[in-house]
């Protein structure tokens, strides 16, 4: 049966003021993690790799597979380096998940449109998709950095 008693009966029980101060510190620490400014290279690197991955669809099939897998692995490594250097563990809550879905849905739709155009003999759709997708990542990155700087 659970008890509200401390495990160590000799431990200091915080006063309401100490408890409130500790909770404020926790809230401040949590909110500061959400305001970590991504370095400028981060969004540029992700945009370049996304564009290259999209353009790799113009290569012969075997090369497309190799290049795409390599770029996806590198993109994963770049994201990991950012999170390691930032010292945060990404947590996707309901609000962040909505933003991620909102931001990625147009990228998926543009890529599907490029695939449809390619099936009908218009390979130039991949070039448009690469420009739109990379531009979207750069735009979201610019907006994100601007929002964080304005709130800091």
Protein backbone atom coordinates (compact mmCIF):
# COMPACT_ATOMS: atom_id res chain seq x y z
CA UNK A 1 0.00 0.00 0.00
CA UNK A 2 1.41 3.43 -0.95
CA UNK A 3 2.12 6.01 1.69
CA UNK A 4 2.74 9.74 1.57
CA UNK A 5 5.45 9.36 4.22
CA UNK A 6 9.02 9.94 3.02
CA UNK A 7 11.14 6.82 2.59
CA UNK A 8 13.75 8.21 4.97
CA UNK A 9 12.11 9.44 8.15
CA UNK A 10 15.15 11.64 8.89
CA UNK A 11 14.92 13.44 5.52
CA UNK A 12 14.09 17.14 5.51
CA UNK A 13 10.53 17.80 4.42
CA UNK A 14 10.47 20.98 2.28
CA UNK A 15 8.41 23.91 3.32
CA UNK A 16 5.67 25.10 0.94
CA UNK A 17 7.97 27.94 -0.17
CA UNK A 18 10.87 25.52 -0.85
CA UNK A 19 8.56 23.18 -2.76
CA UNK A 20 7.18 26.06 -4.83
CA UNK A 21 10.73 27.25 -5.60
CA UNK A 22 11.75 23.73 -6.66
CA UNK A 23 8.72 23.46 -8.95
CA UNK A 24 9.54 26.84 -10.51
CA UNK A 25 13.09 25.63 -11.21
CA UNK A 26 11.75 22.49 -12.88
CA UNK A 27 9.29 24.50 -15.01
CA UNK A 28 12.04 26.96 -16.00
CA UNK A 29 14.37 24.12 -16.96
CA UNK A 30 11.66 22.41 -19.02
CA UNK A 31 10.67 25.60 -20.82
CA UNK A 32 14.29 26.48 -21.59
CA UNK A 33 14.73 23.09 -23.28
CA UNK A 34 11.81 23.89 -25.57
CA UNK A 35 13.50 27.15 -26.56
CA UNK A 36 16.80 25.66 -27.70
CA UNK A 37 17.85 27.55 -30.81
CA UNK A 38 18.89 25.18 -33.55
CA UNK A 39 22.16 26.24 -35.19
CA UNK A 40 21.83 27.77 -38.64
CA UNK A 41 23.65 24.82 -40.23
CA UNK A 42 21.00 22.38 -38.99
CA UNK A 43 18.10 23.45 -41.20
CA UNK A 44 20.42 24.14 -44.13
CA UNK A 45 21.90 20.63 -43.88
CA UNK A 46 18.49 18.97 -43.59
CA UNK A 47 17.15 21.03 -46.52
CA UNK A 48 20.16 20.14 -48.70
CA UNK A 49 19.86 16.45 -47.94
CA UNK A 50 16.11 16.44 -48.49
CA UNK A 51 16.60 18.17 -51.83
CA UNK A 52 19.35 15.73 -52.81
CA UNK A 53 17.18 12.78 -51.78
CA UNK A 54 14.34 14.10 -53.92
CA UNK A 55 16.65 14.72 -56.89
CA UNK A 56 18.12 11.23 -56.53
CA UNK A 57 14.84 9.97 -58.00
CA UNK A 58 16.20 11.10 -61.37
CA UNK A 59 19.07 8.60 -61.16
CA UNK A 60 18.89 5.03 -62.45
CA UNK A 61 17.00 2.77 -60.03
CA UNK A 62 20.00 1.09 -58.37
CA UNK A 63 21.75 4.41 -57.83
CA UNK A 64 18.53 5.96 -56.49
CA UNK A 65 18.28 3.28 -53.83
CA UNK A 66 21.92 3.61 -52.73
CA UNK A 67 21.93 7.42 -52.73
CA UNK A 68 18.58 7.67 -50.96
CA UNK A 69 19.60 5.22 -48.22
CA UNK A 70 22.93 7.01 -47.73
CA UNK A 71 21.30 10.43 -47.53
CA UNK A 72 18.61 9.26 -45.12
CA UNK A 73 21.32 7.76 -42.88
CA UNK A 74 23.34 10.99 -43.02
CA UNK A 75 20.21 13.03 -42.29
CA UNK A 76 19.54 10.85 -39.24
CA UNK A 77 23.13 11.40 -38.09
CA UNK A 78 22.80 15.18 -38.49
CA UNK A 79 19.62 15.19 -36.40
CA UNK A 80 21.35 13.04 -33.77
CA UNK A 81 24.39 15.37 -33.66
CA UNK A 82 22.10 18.35 -33.11
CA UNK A 83 20.24 16.67 -30.26
CA UNK A 84 23.50 15.47 -28.68
CA UNK A 85 25.06 18.93 -28.86
CA UNK A 86 21.89 20.60 -27.63
CA UNK A 87 21.82 18.18 -24.70
CA UNK A 88 18.13 17.46 -25.04
CA UNK A 89 16.08 14.36 -25.61
CA UNK A 90 13.35 15.07 -28.15
CA UNK A 91 9.86 14.50 -26.86
CA UNK A 92 6.96 14.82 -29.21
CA UNK A 93 3.84 15.92 -27.35
CA UNK A 94 0.41 16.48 -28.86
CA UNK A 95 1.15 20.09 -29.83
CA UNK A 96 4.53 19.29 -31.41
CA UNK A 97 3.07 16.27 -33.20
CA UNK A 98 0.44 18.52 -34.77
CA UNK A 99 3.13 20.94 -35.98
CA UNK A 100 5.21 18.09 -37.36
CA UNK A 101 2.20 16.69 -39.23
CA UNK A 102 1.26 20.15 -40.46
CA UNK A 103 4.81 20.81 -41.70
CA UNK A 104 5.38 17.42 -43.34
CA UNK A 105 2.03 16.92 -45.06
CA UNK A 106 2.78 19.43 -47.86
CA UNK A 107 6.21 17.81 -48.36
CA UNK A 108 4.59 14.41 -48.81
CA UNK A 109 1.95 15.81 -51.18
CA UNK A 110 4.56 17.59 -53.32
CA UNK A 111 6.63 14.41 -53.48
CA UNK A 112 3.58 12.36 -54.47
CA UNK A 113 2.78 14.91 -57.17
CA UNK A 114 6.34 14.61 -58.47
CA UNK A 115 6.01 10.82 -58.59
CA UNK A 116 2.72 11.15 -60.50
CA UNK A 117 4.32 13.59 -62.94
CA UNK A 118 7.28 11.22 -63.37
CA UNK A 119 4.91 8.34 -64.17
CA UNK A 120 3.40 10.47 -66.92
CA UNK A 121 6.82 11.25 -68.42
CA UNK A 122 7.46 14.62 -66.79
CA UNK A 123 10.61 14.07 -64.75
CA UNK A 124 10.95 17.81 -64.12
CA UNK A 125 8.49 17.33 -61.25
CA UNK A 126 11.36 16.00 -59.12
CA UNK A 127 13.26 19.26 -59.59
CA UNK A 128 10.22 21.29 -58.54
CA UNK A 129 9.65 18.98 -55.58
CA UNK A 130 13.29 19.30 -54.48
CA UNK A 131 13.08 23.10 -54.61
CA UNK A 132 9.72 23.24 -52.80
CA UNK A 133 10.69 20.69 -50.14
CA UNK A 134 14.08 22.24 -49.44
CA UNK A 135 12.60 25.71 -49.45
CA UNK A 136 9.92 24.61 -47.00
CA UNK A 137 12.51 23.22 -44.59
CA UNK A 138 14.56 26.42 -44.84
CA UNK A 139 11.41 28.52 -44.35
CA UNK A 140 10.29 26.52 -41.32
CA UNK A 141 13.81 26.75 -39.89
CA UNK A 142 13.93 30.51 -40.42
CA UNK A 143 10.49 30.91 -38.83
CA UNK A 144 11.40 28.65 -35.90
CA UNK A 145 14.65 30.52 -35.17
CA UNK A 146 12.86 33.87 -35.49
CA UNK A 147 10.11 32.79 -33.07
CA UNK A 148 12.63 31.58 -30.51
CA UNK A 149 14.72 34.75 -30.76
CA UNK A 150 11.63 36.93 -30.39
CA UNK A 151 10.55 35.01 -27.30
CA UNK A 152 13.98 35.03 -25.68
